Amino acid sequence: MKPNQDNFWLRIIYIVSVVISAAVAFLILGPRPEGIEGSLDVSGLPLVNASLNGITTVLLVYGYILIRQKQRQRHKNVMLASFGTSGAFLVSYVIYHWFKAGPKQYTGEFTEIYLFILLTHIVLAAIIIPLALVTLYRGWSDQLGKHRKIAKITLPLWLYVSVTGVMIYWMLY
């Protein structure tokens, strides 16, 4: 890969990451048009979101096992699938929060633990966007040394985000 071409794609990845994070924050926290809340029944989406996070977790672990077994093409396919389930989660999550007013309040006995999990989940979810995209790009463009180096950071963080997504669902519902 030529350095200029690599720099171009990395800039695109960072711009897309910032745009996605800003759009999600705005769609969840920003003003909504009058009458949008409740105009679509989204009550089933938290379970869909938790399921997508759970599937992502399984795919990430399976992808890791495949690469350890040197099954590179299967690893690529599984990692693309995990990226797809994460993308589907993001779309479903935004739809849920767009049509539902605010986040569900935690009412359990472990408030400090819940808030710690939620805060770290949110921060790392924003960080995982560019990490996953760069990792995917490095693998896709056969920059295997760079891919391995960043994947060692991306995988545990992505696993944490997907697992805590399921935990948050369990704690809220």
N, C-alpha and C. Protein backbone atom coordinates (compact mmCIF):
# COMPACT_ATOMS: atom_id res chain seq x y z
N MET A 1 0.86 -1.18 0.00
CA MET A 1 0.00 0.00 0.00
C MET A 1 0.90 1.23 0.00
N LYS A 2 0.61 2.15 -0.89
CA LYS A 2 1.37 3.39 -0.96
C LYS A 2 1.03 4.26 0.25
N PRO A 3 2.06 4.95 0.80
CA PRO A 3 1.81 5.79 2.00
C PRO A 3 0.69 6.81 1.81
N ASN A 4 0.63 7.47 0.64
CA ASN A 4 -0.43 8.47 0.41
C ASN A 4 -1.81 7.83 0.40
N GLN A 5 -1.90 6.64 -0.21
CA GLN A 5 -3.18 5.94 -0.26
C GLN A 5 -3.58 5.49 1.15
N ASP A 6 -2.61 5.02 1.92
CA ASP A 6 -2.86 4.60 3.30
C ASP A 6 -3.34 5.80 4.13
N ASN A 7 -2.66 6.93 4.01
CA ASN A 7 -3.06 8.14 4.74
C ASN A 7 -4.46 8.58 4.35
N PHE A 8 -4.79 8.48 3.08
CA PHE A 8 -6.12 8.85 2.61
C PHE A 8 -7.18 8.01 3.32
N TRP A 9 -7.01 6.68 3.32
CA TRP A 9 -8.02 5.81 3.92
C TRP A 9 -8.09 5.98 5.43
N LEU A 10 -6.96 6.22 6.06
CA LEU A 10 -6.99 6.45 7.51
C LEU A 10 -7.73 7.74 7.84
N ARG A 11 -7.53 8.79 7.04
CA ARG A 11 -8.29 10.03 7.25
C ARG A 11 -9.78 9.79 7.08
N ILE A 12 -10.16 9.05 6.05
CA ILE A 12 -11.57 8.72 5.82
C ILE A 12 -12.14 7.99 7.03
N ILE A 13 -11.38 7.01 7.54
CA ILE A 13 -11.83 6.23 8.70
C ILE A 13 -12.05 7.14 9.90
N TYR A 14 -11.13 8.05 10.16
CA TYR A 14 -11.26 8.94 11.32
C TYR A 14 -12.43 9.91 11.14
N ILE A 15 -12.61 10.42 9.94
CA ILE A 15 -13.74 11.32 9.67
C ILE A 15 -15.06 10.57 9.85
N VAL A 16 -15.16 9.39 9.28
CA VAL A 16 -16.38 8.58 9.41
C VAL A 16 -16.65 8.27 10.88
N SER A 17 -15.61 7.96 11.64
CA SER A 17 -15.76 7.64 13.06
C SER A 17 -16.31 8.82 13.85
N VAL A 18 -15.78 10.01 13.59
CA VAL A 18 -16.26 11.21 14.27
C VAL A 18 -17.70 11.50 13.87
N VAL A 19 -18.01 11.37 12.60
CA VAL A 19 -19.37 11.64 12.11
C VAL A 19 -20.36 10.66 12.75
N ILE A 20 -19.99 9.37 12.79
CA ILE A 20 -20.89 8.37 13.40
C ILE A 20 -21.11 8.68 14.88
N SER A 21 -20.03 8.94 15.61
CA SER A 21 -20.17 9.24 17.04
C SER A 21 -21.01 10.48 17.28
N ALA A 22 -20.76 11.52 16.50
CA ALA A 22 -21.53 12.77 16.65
C ALA A 22 -23.00 12.55 16.29
N ALA A 23 -23.25 11.80 15.22
CA ALA A 23 -24.62 11.54 14.80
C ALA A 23 -25.38 10.74 15.86
N VAL A 24 -24.72 9.72 16.42
CA VAL A 24 -25.36 8.91 17.46
C VAL A 24 -25.67 9.78 18.67
N ALA A 25 -24.69 10.57 19.10
CA ALA A 25 -24.91 11.46 20.25
C ALA A 25 -26.07 12.42 19.99
N PHE A 26 -26.11 13.02 18.80
CA PHE A 26 -27.18 13.95 18.48
C PHE A 26 -28.54 13.25 18.44
N LEU A 27 -28.58 12.09 17.77
CA LEU A 27 -29.85 11.38 17.64
C LEU A 27 -30.40 10.93 18.99
N ILE A 28 -29.52 10.64 19.94
CA ILE A 28 -29.97 10.19 21.25
C ILE A 28 -30.25 11.37 22.18
N LEU A 29 -29.37 12.35 22.17
CA LEU A 29 -29.47 13.45 23.14
C LEU A 29 -30.11 14.72 22.58
N GLY A 30 -30.12 14.85 21.27
CA GLY A 30 -30.60 16.07 20.65
C GLY A 30 -32.12 16.17 20.61
N PRO A 31 -32.60 17.29 20.11
CA PRO A 31 -34.06 17.49 20.02
C PRO A 31 -34.67 16.57 18.97
N ARG A 32 -35.89 16.16 19.23
CA ARG A 32 -36.62 15.32 18.28
C ARG A 32 -37.80 16.12 17.73
N PRO A 33 -38.21 15.77 16.52
CA PRO A 33 -39.41 16.43 15.99
C PRO A 33 -40.63 16.12 16.86
N GLU A 34 -41.52 17.05 16.91
CA GLU A 34 -42.75 16.90 17.69
C GLU A 34 -43.51 15.66 17.23
N GLY A 35 -43.93 14.82 18.19
CA GLY A 35 -44.76 13.66 17.88
C GLY A 35 -44.02 12.41 17.47
N ILE A 36 -42.69 12.44 17.42
CA ILE A 36 -41.94 11.26 16.98
C ILE A 36 -41.91 10.18 18.06
N GLU A 37 -41.81 10.62 19.32
CA GLU A 37 -41.75 9.66 20.43
C GLU A 37 -43.01 8.82 20.47
N GLY A 38 -42.81 7.50 20.44
CA GLY A 38 -43.94 6.58 20.51
C GLY A 38 -44.66 6.35 19.21
N SER A 39 -44.24 7.00 18.12
CA SER A 39 -44.93 6.81 16.85
C SER A 39 -44.58 5.47 16.20
N LEU A 40 -43.58 4.80 16.72
CA LEU A 40 -43.20 3.47 16.25
C LEU A 40 -42.93 2.61 17.48
N ASP A 41 -43.48 1.40 17.50
CA ASP A 41 -43.27 0.51 18.64
C ASP A 41 -41.87 -0.09 18.55
N VAL A 42 -41.00 0.36 19.45
CA VAL A 42 -39.61 -0.11 19.47
C VAL A 42 -39.31 -0.93 20.73
N SER A 43 -40.37 -1.38 21.40
CA SER A 43 -40.19 -2.06 22.68
C SER A 43 -39.39 -3.36 22.56
N GLY A 44 -39.37 -3.98 21.39
CA GLY A 44 -38.61 -5.22 21.21
C GLY A 44 -37.15 -5.01 20.87
N LEU A 45 -36.76 -3.78 20.57
CA LEU A 45 -35.39 -3.54 20.12
C LEU A 45 -34.31 -3.73 21.19
N PRO A 46 -34.55 -3.45 22.47
CA PRO A 46 -33.49 -3.75 23.44
C PRO A 46 -33.06 -5.22 23.41
N LEU A 47 -34.00 -6.14 23.26
CA LEU A 47 -33.65 -7.55 23.16
C LEU A 47 -32.89 -7.83 21.86
N VAL A 48 -33.32 -7.20 20.78
CA VAL A 48 -32.59 -7.34 19.51
C VAL A 48 -31.16 -6.83 19.68
N ASN A 49 -31.02 -5.67 20.33
CA ASN A 49 -29.68 -5.09 20.53
C ASN A 49 -28.80 -5.99 21.37
N ALA A 50 -29.34 -6.53 22.46
CA ALA A 50 -28.56 -7.43 23.30
C ALA A 50 -28.19 -8.70 22.53
N SER A 51 -29.11 -9.18 21.73
CA SER A 51 -28.83 -10.38 20.92
C SER A 51 -27.73 -10.10 19.90
N LEU A 52 -27.77 -8.95 19.25
CA LEU A 52 -26.72 -8.59 18.30
C LEU A 52 -25.37 -8.46 19.00
N ASN A 53 -25.37 -7.90 20.19
CA ASN A 53 -24.12 -7.82 20.97
C ASN A 53 -23.63 -9.22 21.34
N GLY A 54 -24.53 -10.09 21.73
CA GLY A 54 -24.15 -11.47 22.07
C GLY A 54 -23.59 -12.21 20.87
N ILE A 55 -24.24 -12.05 19.71
CA ILE A 55 -23.76 -12.69 18.49
C ILE A 55 -22.38 -12.13 18.12
N THR A 56 -22.21 -10.83 18.26
CA THR A 56 -20.91 -10.22 17.98
C THR A 56 -19.83 -10.83 18.86
N THR A 57 -20.13 -11.01 20.14
CA THR A 57 -19.17 -11.61 21.06
C THR A 57 -18.75 -13.00 20.59
N VAL A 58 -19.74 -13.82 20.25
CA VAL A 58 -19.45 -15.18 19.78
C VAL A 58 -18.61 -15.14 18.50
N LEU A 59 -18.97 -14.27 17.57
CA LEU A 59 -18.22 -14.17 16.31
C LEU A 59 -16.79 -13.69 16.54
N LEU A 60 -16.60 -12.74 17.44
CA LEU A 60 -15.25 -12.26 17.74
C LEU A 60 -14.37 -13.37 18.31
N VAL A 61 -14.92 -14.13 19.24
CA VAL A 61 -14.17 -15.24 19.83
C VAL A 61 -13.88 -16.30 18.77
N TYR A 62 -14.87 -16.62 17.96
CA TYR A 62 -14.69 -17.61 16.89
C TYR A 62 -13.65 -17.13 15.88
N GLY A 63 -13.71 -15.85 15.52
CA GLY A 63 -12.72 -15.29 14.60
C GLY A 63 -11.31 -15.39 15.16
N TYR A 64 -11.17 -15.15 16.46
CA TYR A 64 -9.87 -15.27 17.11
C TYR A 64 -9.38 -16.72 17.05
N ILE A 65 -10.27 -17.66 17.33
CA ILE A 65 -9.90 -19.09 17.27
C ILE A 65 -9.46 -19.45 15.85
N LEU A 66 -10.20 -18.98 14.87
CA LEU A 66 -9.86 -19.29 13.47
C LEU A 66 -8.48 -18.77 13.08
N ILE A 67 -8.14 -17.56 13.48
CA ILE A 67 -6.84 -17.03 13.10
C ILE A 67 -5.72 -17.75 13.83
N ARG A 68 -5.98 -18.17 15.07
CA ARG A 68 -4.98 -18.96 15.80
C ARG A 68 -4.76 -20.31 15.11
N GLN A 69 -5.80 -20.81 14.43
CA GLN A 69 -5.69 -22.06 13.67
C GLN A 69 -5.21 -21.83 12.25
N LYS A 70 -4.83 -20.57 11.96
CA LYS A 70 -4.31 -20.17 10.65
C LYS A 70 -5.33 -20.36 9.51
N GLN A 71 -6.59 -20.23 9.84
CA GLN A 71 -7.66 -20.30 8.84
C GLN A 71 -8.03 -18.88 8.44
N ARG A 72 -7.15 -18.26 7.68
CA ARG A 72 -7.22 -16.83 7.40
C ARG A 72 -8.51 -16.42 6.68
N GLN A 73 -8.91 -17.14 5.65
CA GLN A 73 -10.12 -16.75 4.90
C GLN A 73 -11.37 -16.88 5.77
N ARG A 74 -11.46 -17.94 6.53
CA ARG A 74 -12.62 -18.09 7.43
C ARG A 74 -12.60 -17.01 8.50
N HIS A 75 -11.39 -16.68 9.00
CA HIS A 75 -11.25 -15.60 9.97
C HIS A 75 -11.78 -14.29 9.38
N LYS A 76 -11.37 -13.98 8.15
CA LYS A 76 -11.84 -12.75 7.49
C LYS A 76 -13.37 -12.73 7.41
N ASN A 77 -13.94 -13.84 6.97
CA ASN A 77 -15.40 -13.90 6.81
C ASN A 77 -16.12 -13.70 8.15
N VAL A 78 -15.62 -14.34 9.20
CA VAL A 78 -16.25 -14.24 10.51
C VAL A 78 -16.08 -12.83 11.07
N MET A 79 -14.92 -12.23 10.87
CA MET A 79 -14.72 -10.87 11.37
C MET A 79 -15.58 -9.87 10.60
N LEU A 80 -15.76 -10.09 9.31
CA LEU A 80 -16.69 -9.23 8.56
C LEU A 80 -18.11 -9.40 9.08
N ALA A 81 -18.48 -10.63 9.43
CA ALA A 81 -19.81 -10.87 10.00
C ALA A 81 -19.95 -10.16 11.34
N SER A 82 -18.89 -10.20 12.17
CA SER A 82 -18.98 -9.51 13.47
C SER A 82 -19.09 -8.01 13.27
N PHE A 83 -18.40 -7.49 12.27
CA PHE A 83 -18.53 -6.07 11.94
C PHE A 83 -19.96 -5.77 11.49
N GLY A 84 -20.54 -6.69 10.73
CA GLY A 84 -21.93 -6.54 10.28
C GLY A 84 -22.92 -6.55 11.43
N THR A 85 -22.73 -7.46 12.38
CA THR A 85 -23.66 -7.50 13.53
C THR A 85 -23.50 -6.26 14.39
N SER A 86 -22.28 -5.75 14.50
CA SER A 86 -22.07 -4.50 15.24
C SER A 86 -22.74 -3.34 14.52
N GLY A 87 -22.64 -3.32 13.20
CA GLY A 87 -23.30 -2.27 12.42
C GLY A 87 -24.81 -2.35 12.55
N ALA A 88 -25.35 -3.57 12.51
CA ALA A 88 -26.80 -3.75 12.68
C ALA A 88 -27.23 -3.30 14.08
N PHE A 89 -26.39 -3.60 15.08
CA PHE A 89 -26.67 -3.12 16.44
C PHE A 89 -26.77 -1.60 16.44
N LEU A 90 -25.81 -0.94 15.83
CA LEU A 90 -25.77 0.52 15.84
C LEU A 90 -27.04 1.10 15.22
N VAL A 91 -27.46 0.55 14.10
CA VAL A 91 -28.69 1.02 13.44
C VAL A 91 -29.90 0.79 14.34
N SER A 92 -30.02 -0.40 14.90
CA SER A 92 -31.14 -0.72 15.79
C SER A 92 -31.13 0.16 17.03
N TYR A 93 -29.96 0.40 17.59
CA TYR A 93 -29.81 1.23 18.78
C TYR A 93 -30.28 2.66 18.52
N VAL A 94 -29.88 3.20 17.39
CA VAL A 94 -30.28 4.57 17.03
C VAL A 94 -31.79 4.64 16.80
N ILE A 95 -32.33 3.66 16.11
CA ILE A 95 -33.79 3.64 15.88
C ILE A 95 -34.53 3.60 17.22
N TYR A 96 -34.07 2.73 18.12
CA TYR A 96 -34.71 2.62 19.44
C TYR A 96 -34.71 3.96 20.17
N HIS A 97 -33.55 4.59 20.23
CA HIS A 97 -33.46 5.84 21.00
C HIS A 97 -34.11 7.02 20.29
N TRP A 98 -34.25 6.95 18.99
CA TRP A 98 -34.92 8.03 18.27
C TRP A 98 -36.42 8.03 18.58
N PHE A 99 -37.01 6.83 18.66
CA PHE A 99 -38.44 6.73 18.87
C PHE A 99 -38.85 6.55 20.33
N LYS A 100 -37.88 6.45 21.23
CA LYS A 100 -38.17 6.30 22.66
C LYS A 100 -37.52 7.48 23.38
N ALA A 101 -38.21 8.04 24.33
CA ALA A 101 -37.68 9.20 25.06
C ALA A 101 -36.64 8.75 26.07
N GLY A 102 -35.43 9.20 25.88
CA GLY A 102 -34.36 9.00 26.85
C GLY A 102 -34.04 7.56 27.16
N PRO A 103 -32.95 7.36 27.88
CA PRO A 103 -32.56 6.00 28.25
C PRO A 103 -33.41 5.48 29.40
N LYS A 104 -33.52 4.16 29.49
CA LYS A 104 -34.25 3.52 30.60
C LYS A 104 -33.43 3.71 31.87
N GLN A 105 -34.11 4.00 32.96
CA GLN A 105 -33.44 4.23 34.24
C GLN A 105 -33.12 2.90 34.91
N TYR A 106 -31.94 2.82 35.48
CA TYR A 106 -31.54 1.64 36.25
C TYR A 106 -32.20 1.72 37.62
N THR A 107 -32.84 0.63 38.06
CA THR A 107 -33.54 0.64 39.35
C THR A 107 -33.04 -0.47 40.27
N GLY A 108 -31.92 -1.09 39.93
CA GLY A 108 -31.40 -2.19 40.73
C GLY A 108 -30.62 -1.72 41.95
N GLU A 109 -30.02 -2.69 42.62
CA GLU A 109 -29.31 -2.43 43.88
C GLU A 109 -27.83 -2.10 43.68
N PHE A 110 -27.31 -2.24 42.49
CA PHE A 110 -25.88 -2.09 42.24
C PHE A 110 -25.60 -0.87 41.36
N THR A 111 -26.06 0.27 41.78
CA THR A 111 -25.98 1.49 40.98
C THR A 111 -24.56 1.84 40.58
N GLU A 112 -23.62 1.75 41.52
CA GLU A 112 -22.23 2.13 41.21
C GLU A 112 -21.64 1.20 40.16
N ILE A 113 -21.91 -0.09 40.29
CA ILE A 113 -21.41 -1.07 39.31
C ILE A 113 -22.04 -0.81 37.96
N TYR A 114 -23.36 -0.59 37.94
CA TYR A 114 -24.05 -0.30 36.69
C TYR A 114 -23.47 0.94 36.02
N LEU A 115 -23.30 2.01 36.78
CA LEU A 115 -22.78 3.25 36.20
C LEU A 115 -21.36 3.08 35.68
N PHE A 116 -20.52 2.31 36.38
CA PHE A 116 -19.17 2.03 35.91
C PHE A 116 -19.21 1.28 34.58
N ILE A 117 -20.04 0.23 34.54
CA ILE A 117 -20.16 -0.56 33.30
C ILE A 117 -20.69 0.32 32.17
N LEU A 118 -21.72 1.11 32.45
CA LEU A 118 -22.32 1.96 31.43
C LEU A 118 -21.33 3.00 30.91
N LEU A 119 -20.64 3.68 31.82
CA LEU A 119 -19.68 4.71 31.41
C LEU A 119 -18.54 4.12 30.57
N THR A 120 -17.95 3.03 31.05
CA THR A 120 -16.85 2.43 30.28
C THR A 120 -17.35 1.88 28.95
N HIS A 121 -18.56 1.35 28.95
CA HIS A 121 -19.15 0.84 27.71
C HIS A 121 -19.31 1.97 26.68
N ILE A 122 -19.86 3.08 27.11
CA ILE A 122 -20.09 4.21 26.19
C ILE A 122 -18.77 4.76 25.65
N VAL A 123 -17.81 4.98 26.53
CA VAL A 123 -16.52 5.53 26.10
C VAL A 123 -15.83 4.57 25.13
N LEU A 124 -15.78 3.30 25.50
CA LEU A 124 -15.09 2.33 24.63
C LEU A 124 -15.87 2.06 23.35
N ALA A 125 -17.19 2.18 23.38
CA ALA A 125 -17.98 2.02 22.15
C ALA A 125 -17.61 3.10 21.14
N ALA A 126 -17.38 4.32 21.62
CA ALA A 126 -16.97 5.40 20.71
C ALA A 126 -15.55 5.14 20.19
N ILE A 127 -14.68 4.64 21.06
CA ILE A 127 -13.30 4.37 20.66
C ILE A 127 -13.21 3.18 19.71
N ILE A 128 -14.10 2.21 19.87
CA ILE A 128 -14.01 1.00 19.05
C ILE A 128 -14.36 1.27 17.59
N ILE A 129 -15.10 2.33 17.32
CA ILE A 129 -15.47 2.62 15.93
C ILE A 129 -14.21 2.79 15.07
N PRO A 130 -13.33 3.74 15.38
CA PRO A 130 -12.13 3.85 14.52
C PRO A 130 -11.20 2.65 14.66
N LEU A 131 -11.10 2.07 15.85
CA LEU A 131 -10.23 0.90 16.01
C LEU A 131 -10.68 -0.26 15.12
N ALA A 132 -11.98 -0.56 15.13
CA ALA A 132 -12.49 -1.65 14.32
C ALA A 132 -12.32 -1.35 12.83
N LEU A 133 -12.58 -0.11 12.45
CA LEU A 133 -12.43 0.25 11.04
C LEU A 133 -10.97 0.16 10.59
N VAL A 134 -10.04 0.64 11.41
CA VAL A 134 -8.62 0.56 11.04
C VAL A 134 -8.18 -0.91 11.01
N THR A 135 -8.60 -1.69 11.98
CA THR A 135 -8.25 -3.10 12.01
C THR A 135 -8.78 -3.81 10.77
N LEU A 136 -10.03 -3.54 10.44
CA LEU A 136 -10.64 -4.12 9.24
C LEU A 136 -9.88 -3.68 7.99
N TYR A 137 -9.56 -2.42 7.90
CA TYR A 137 -8.82 -1.88 6.75
C TYR A 137 -7.45 -2.54 6.62
N ARG A 138 -6.75 -2.66 7.73
CA ARG A 138 -5.41 -3.27 7.70
C ARG A 138 -5.47 -4.72 7.24
N GLY A 139 -6.46 -5.45 7.70
CA GLY A 139 -6.61 -6.83 7.26
C GLY A 139 -7.02 -6.91 5.81
N TRP A 140 -7.96 -6.06 5.41
CA TRP A 140 -8.48 -6.06 4.04
C TRP A 140 -7.38 -5.72 3.04
N SER A 141 -6.49 -4.81 3.42
CA SER A 141 -5.43 -4.37 2.51
C SER A 141 -4.14 -5.20 2.68
N ASP A 142 -4.26 -6.32 3.39
CA ASP A 142 -3.13 -7.26 3.59
C ASP A 142 -1.92 -6.62 4.26
N GLN A 143 -2.14 -5.67 5.12
CA GLN A 143 -1.06 -5.10 5.94
C GLN A 143 -1.04 -5.91 7.24
N LEU A 144 -0.62 -7.15 7.12
CA LEU A 144 -0.82 -8.12 8.20
C LEU A 144 -0.07 -7.76 9.48
N GLY A 145 1.15 -7.26 9.37
CA GLY A 145 1.89 -6.86 10.58
C GLY A 145 1.16 -5.76 11.33
N LYS A 146 0.71 -4.74 10.61
CA LYS A 146 -0.04 -3.64 11.23
C LYS A 146 -1.40 -4.11 11.73
N HIS A 147 -2.00 -5.04 10.95
CA HIS A 147 -3.29 -5.59 11.35
C HIS A 147 -3.16 -6.33 12.69
N ARG A 148 -2.16 -7.20 12.80
CA ARG A 148 -1.97 -7.95 14.05
C ARG A 148 -1.74 -7.02 15.23
N LYS A 149 -0.94 -5.99 14.99
CA LYS A 149 -0.59 -5.06 16.08
C LYS A 149 -1.83 -4.35 16.62
N ILE A 150 -2.67 -3.83 15.74
CA ILE A 150 -3.86 -3.11 16.21
C ILE A 150 -4.94 -4.08 16.67
N ALA A 151 -5.00 -5.27 16.07
CA ALA A 151 -6.02 -6.26 16.47
C ALA A 151 -5.83 -6.69 17.92
N LYS A 152 -4.59 -6.66 18.40
CA LYS A 152 -4.33 -7.03 19.80
C LYS A 152 -4.95 -6.03 20.76
N ILE A 153 -5.18 -4.82 20.29
CA ILE A 153 -5.85 -3.79 21.09
C ILE A 153 -7.36 -3.83 20.83
N THR A 154 -7.72 -3.94 19.56
CA THR A 154 -9.13 -3.89 19.17
C THR A 154 -9.94 -5.04 19.74
N LEU A 155 -9.43 -6.26 19.65
CA LEU A 155 -10.21 -7.43 20.06
C LEU A 155 -10.67 -7.35 21.52
N PRO A 156 -9.77 -7.14 22.49
CA PRO A 156 -10.27 -7.10 23.87
C PRO A 156 -11.25 -5.95 24.13
N LEU A 157 -11.00 -4.80 23.50
CA LEU A 157 -11.91 -3.67 23.70
C LEU A 157 -13.28 -3.95 23.07
N TRP A 158 -13.27 -4.52 21.87
CA TRP A 158 -14.52 -4.84 21.17
C TRP A 158 -15.29 -5.90 21.95
N LEU A 159 -14.57 -6.90 22.46
CA LEU A 159 -15.21 -7.91 23.30
C LEU A 159 -15.84 -7.27 24.54
N TYR A 160 -15.11 -6.36 25.17
CA TYR A 160 -15.63 -5.69 26.36
C TYR A 160 -16.92 -4.93 26.02
N VAL A 161 -16.91 -4.21 24.92
CA VAL A 161 -18.09 -3.44 24.52
C VAL A 161 -19.27 -4.37 24.23
N SER A 162 -19.03 -5.44 23.52
CA SER A 162 -20.15 -6.34 23.18
C SER A 162 -20.66 -7.08 24.42
N VAL A 163 -19.77 -7.53 25.30
CA VAL A 163 -20.21 -8.23 26.52
C VAL A 163 -20.93 -7.27 27.46
N THR A 164 -20.40 -6.07 27.66
CA THR A 164 -21.06 -5.12 28.56
C THR A 164 -22.39 -4.65 27.98
N GLY A 165 -22.52 -4.65 26.66
CA GLY A 165 -23.82 -4.33 26.06
C GLY A 165 -24.89 -5.31 26.51
N VAL A 166 -24.54 -6.59 26.55
CA VAL A 166 -25.47 -7.61 27.03
C VAL A 166 -25.71 -7.43 28.54
N MET A 167 -24.65 -7.16 29.28
CA MET A 167 -24.80 -6.96 30.73
C MET A 167 -25.72 -5.79 31.05
N ILE A 168 -25.59 -4.71 30.30
CA ILE A 168 -26.45 -3.54 30.51
C ILE A 168 -27.91 -3.91 30.27
N TYR A 169 -28.14 -4.68 29.21
CA TYR A 169 -29.50 -5.14 28.94
C TYR A 169 -30.04 -5.94 30.13
N TRP A 170 -29.25 -6.90 30.62
CA TRP A 170 -29.68 -7.73 31.76
C TRP A 170 -29.97 -6.87 32.99
N MET A 171 -29.15 -5.87 33.20
CA MET A 171 -29.33 -5.03 34.38
C MET A 171 -30.56 -4.12 34.27
N LEU A 172 -30.90 -3.73 33.05
CA LEU A 172 -32.04 -2.84 32.86
C LEU A 172 -33.38 -3.58 32.68
N TYR A 173 -33.32 -4.75 32.09
CA TYR A 173 -34.57 -5.43 31.74
C TYR A 173 -34.67 -6.74 32.49
